[in-house]
């Protein structure tokens, strides 16, 4: 079956960096677009970044210039490099492709 497993979340101070990873299995990873979403407490889930099979990327305005999405088709992984983190980036971050979702990884930005 299709599995998406996120890792790399944690507690970081404002201005810090984290790199999230999502390991994908059960699909031909290289032919599908991937996305990172996040959901903060009391808010709706929102798209943070996406990457197509051809490596075209899109970002939410709130993270442009700070976050970078990438993929490694040899490892079936998608990554989200997050720099200059802000308290408002605190959320559970989810990996997605098609109708499939991971369980999420918590990112907390706080001093």
Protein backbone atom coordinates (compact mmCIF):
# COMPACT_ATOMS: atom_id res chain seq x y z
CA UNK A 1 0.00 0.00 0.00
CA UNK A 2 0.99 3.65 -0.32
CA UNK A 3 2.87 5.05 2.66
CA UNK A 4 4.19 8.52 3.35
CA UNK A 5 6.32 8.95 6.46
CA UNK A 6 7.45 12.40 7.56
CA UNK A 7 10.42 13.10 9.82
CA UNK A 8 12.60 15.98 10.90
CA UNK A 9 10.24 18.08 12.96
CA UNK A 10 11.09 19.49 16.36
CA UNK A 11 11.56 22.58 18.46
CA UNK A 12 13.63 25.38 16.98
CA UNK A 13 14.25 29.00 17.94
CA UNK A 14 13.06 31.84 15.74
CA UNK A 15 15.52 32.37 12.92
CA UNK A 16 16.58 28.74 12.98
CA UNK A 17 16.37 26.03 10.35
CA UNK A 18 14.91 22.56 9.99
CA UNK A 19 14.85 20.04 7.17
CA UNK A 20 11.79 17.85 6.85
CA UNK A 21 11.89 14.57 4.97
CA UNK A 22 9.11 12.41 3.61
CA UNK A 23 9.80 8.82 2.64
CA UNK A 24 7.33 7.50 0.08
CA UNK A 25 6.59 3.89 -0.83
CA UNK A 26 3.97 2.00 -2.80
CA UNK A 27 3.90 4.27 -5.86
CA UNK A 28 6.15 5.04 -8.80
CA UNK A 29 7.43 8.08 -6.99
CA UNK A 30 9.17 9.79 -9.89
CA UNK A 31 6.02 10.34 -11.95
CA UNK A 32 3.96 12.10 -9.30
CA UNK A 33 3.90 15.59 -7.93
CA UNK A 34 4.41 16.01 -4.21
CA UNK A 35 3.34 18.60 -1.72
CA UNK A 36 3.99 19.79 1.80
CA UNK A 37 1.03 21.12 3.77
CA UNK A 38 0.75 22.43 7.29
CA UNK A 39 -1.97 22.86 9.86
CA UNK A 40 -1.60 25.19 12.80
CA UNK A 41 -3.82 24.88 15.88
CA UNK A 42 -7.30 26.19 15.14
CA UNK A 43 -6.53 26.78 11.47
CA UNK A 44 -7.24 25.00 8.21
CA UNK A 45 -4.63 22.89 6.50
CA UNK A 46 -2.76 24.94 3.89
CA UNK A 47 -0.40 24.20 1.05
CA UNK A 48 3.16 25.25 1.85
CA UNK A 49 5.06 24.04 -1.21
CA UNK A 50 4.70 21.66 -4.13
CA UNK A 51 6.98 20.07 -6.67
CA UNK A 52 6.03 18.41 -9.94
CA UNK A 53 7.54 15.33 -11.50
CA UNK A 54 9.53 17.73 -13.66
CA UNK A 55 10.85 19.61 -10.61
CA UNK A 56 8.73 22.73 -11.06
CA UNK A 57 8.05 24.26 -7.66
CA UNK A 58 5.44 26.53 -6.11
CA UNK A 59 5.34 28.16 -2.71
CA UNK A 60 2.86 29.87 -0.46
CA UNK A 61 3.57 33.60 -0.29
CA UNK A 62 4.24 33.29 3.43
CA UNK A 63 7.25 31.02 2.91
CA UNK A 64 8.73 32.25 -0.37
CA UNK A 65 12.44 32.92 -0.04
CA UNK A 66 12.66 30.95 3.21
CA UNK A 67 11.55 27.41 2.34
CA UNK A 68 12.80 25.12 -0.42
CA UNK A 69 11.13 21.94 -1.60
CA UNK A 70 13.16 19.27 -3.38
CA UNK A 71 12.95 15.62 -4.29
CA UNK A 72 15.28 12.67 -4.70
CA UNK A 73 13.72 10.15 -7.08
CA UNK A 74 16.47 7.60 -6.39
CA UNK A 75 15.51 7.56 -2.70
CA UNK A 76 11.75 8.16 -3.11
CA UNK A 77 12.04 11.12 -0.78
CA UNK A 78 10.77 14.66 -0.80
CA UNK A 79 12.29 17.34 1.41
CA UNK A 80 11.38 20.72 2.81
CA UNK A 81 14.28 22.91 3.85
CA UNK A 82 12.98 25.60 6.18
CA UNK A 83 15.16 28.60 7.00
CA UNK A 84 14.56 31.80 8.94
CA UNK A 85 11.76 30.14 10.83
CA UNK A 86 9.15 32.27 12.53
CA UNK A 87 6.74 31.48 15.37
CA UNK A 88 3.89 31.58 12.85
CA UNK A 89 5.48 28.60 11.07
CA UNK A 90 4.53 26.45 14.06
CA UNK A 91 2.28 23.66 12.77
CA UNK A 92 2.02 20.00 11.97
CA UNK A 93 3.57 19.51 8.54
CA UNK A 94 2.15 16.87 6.22
CA UNK A 95 3.47 15.24 3.07
CA UNK A 96 0.96 14.59 0.28
CA UNK A 97 0.56 13.04 -3.13
CA UNK A 98 -2.76 12.44 -4.84
CA UNK A 99 -5.20 11.35 -2.09
CA UNK A 100 -2.45 10.04 0.17
CA UNK A 101 -1.22 11.74 3.33
CA UNK A 102 1.40 11.10 5.93
CA UNK A 103 0.67 11.36 9.65
CA UNK A 104 2.58 14.59 9.98
CA UNK A 105 5.54 15.93 11.90
CA UNK A 106 5.29 18.75 14.44
CA UNK A 107 7.37 21.88 13.99
CA UNK A 108 7.45 24.30 16.90
CA UNK A 109 9.20 27.64 16.55
CA UNK A 110 9.65 29.24 19.93
CA UNK A 111 12.25 30.86 22.13
